[in-house]
């Protein structure tokens, strides 16, 4: 599983949404190889502040819905 798939699996509401875009980075100065991420929603046209705590989104369109 790649890093993007691992992050999407941990996102309860928007992990399988076609509007969810991930931005992943790491600090080059750090030796701990830790990666950070932010979630951008193309429906809201903004970054989601707490994507791990999101309960409901009216703009959700799952990849599997075929829409």
Protein backbone atom coordinates (compact mmCIF):
# COMPACT_ATOMS: atom_id res chain seq x y z
CA UNK A 1 0.00 0.00 0.00
CA UNK A 2 1.42 3.41 -0.88
CA UNK A 3 1.46 6.39 1.46
CA UNK A 4 -1.58 8.09 -0.11
CA UNK A 5 -3.66 4.93 0.22
CA UNK A 6 -2.64 4.55 3.86
CA UNK A 7 -3.69 8.12 4.63
CA UNK A 8 -6.99 7.78 2.74
CA UNK A 9 -7.78 4.59 4.70
CA UNK A 10 -7.49 6.57 7.96
CA UNK A 11 -9.87 9.36 6.83
CA UNK A 12 -13.36 8.37 8.01
CA UNK A 13 -15.48 10.62 5.77
CA UNK A 14 -13.45 11.88 2.83
CA UNK A 15 -10.94 9.09 2.23
CA UNK A 16 -12.93 7.61 -0.67
CA UNK A 17 -14.31 10.91 -2.04
CA UNK A 18 -13.38 12.06 -5.55
CA UNK A 19 -13.24 15.66 -4.25
CA UNK A 20 -10.54 14.80 -1.70
CA UNK A 21 -6.99 15.72 -2.72
CA UNK A 22 -3.98 14.96 -0.54
CA UNK A 23 -0.86 17.07 -0.18
CA UNK A 24 1.94 15.07 1.47
CA UNK A 25 5.34 16.37 2.53
CA UNK A 26 8.26 15.63 4.81
CA UNK A 27 10.80 17.88 6.43
CA UNK A 28 14.18 17.47 4.77
CA UNK A 29 15.97 18.79 7.84
CA UNK A 30 14.54 16.10 10.09
CA UNK A 31 16.09 12.65 10.44
CA UNK A 32 12.91 10.95 11.67
CA UNK A 33 11.47 10.50 8.12
CA UNK A 34 8.07 11.66 9.34
CA UNK A 35 5.51 12.64 6.69
CA UNK A 36 2.79 15.23 7.09
CA UNK A 37 -0.36 15.73 5.08
CA UNK A 38 -3.20 18.11 4.47
CA UNK A 39 -6.52 17.46 2.77
CA UNK A 40 -7.91 19.80 0.15
CA UNK A 41 -11.58 19.53 -0.78
CA UNK A 42 -12.38 20.45 -4.38
CA UNK A 43 -16.07 20.79 -3.50
CA UNK A 44 -15.42 23.41 -0.80
CA UNK A 45 -12.37 24.80 -2.63
CA UNK A 46 -10.37 24.91 0.61
CA UNK A 47 -8.22 22.86 2.96
CA UNK A 48 -9.96 20.81 5.64
CA UNK A 49 -8.73 21.76 9.11
CA UNK A 50 -9.42 18.48 10.95
CA UNK A 51 -10.07 15.75 8.36
CA UNK A 52 -9.66 12.93 10.89
CA UNK A 53 -12.59 14.33 12.92
CA UNK A 54 -14.98 15.04 10.04
CA UNK A 55 -18.38 13.38 10.60
CA UNK A 56 -20.49 14.39 7.57
CA UNK A 57 -19.94 16.16 4.25
CA UNK A 58 -22.80 17.09 1.93
CA UNK A 59 -20.46 17.25 -1.07
CA UNK A 60 -19.15 13.70 -0.76
CA UNK A 61 -19.02 11.69 -3.98
CA UNK A 62 -17.51 8.26 -3.55
CA UNK A 63 -15.36 6.72 -6.29
CA UNK A 64 -17.67 3.71 -6.22
CA UNK A 65 -20.89 5.73 -6.70
CA UNK A 66 -20.29 6.15 -10.43
CA UNK A 67 -21.37 9.82 -10.42
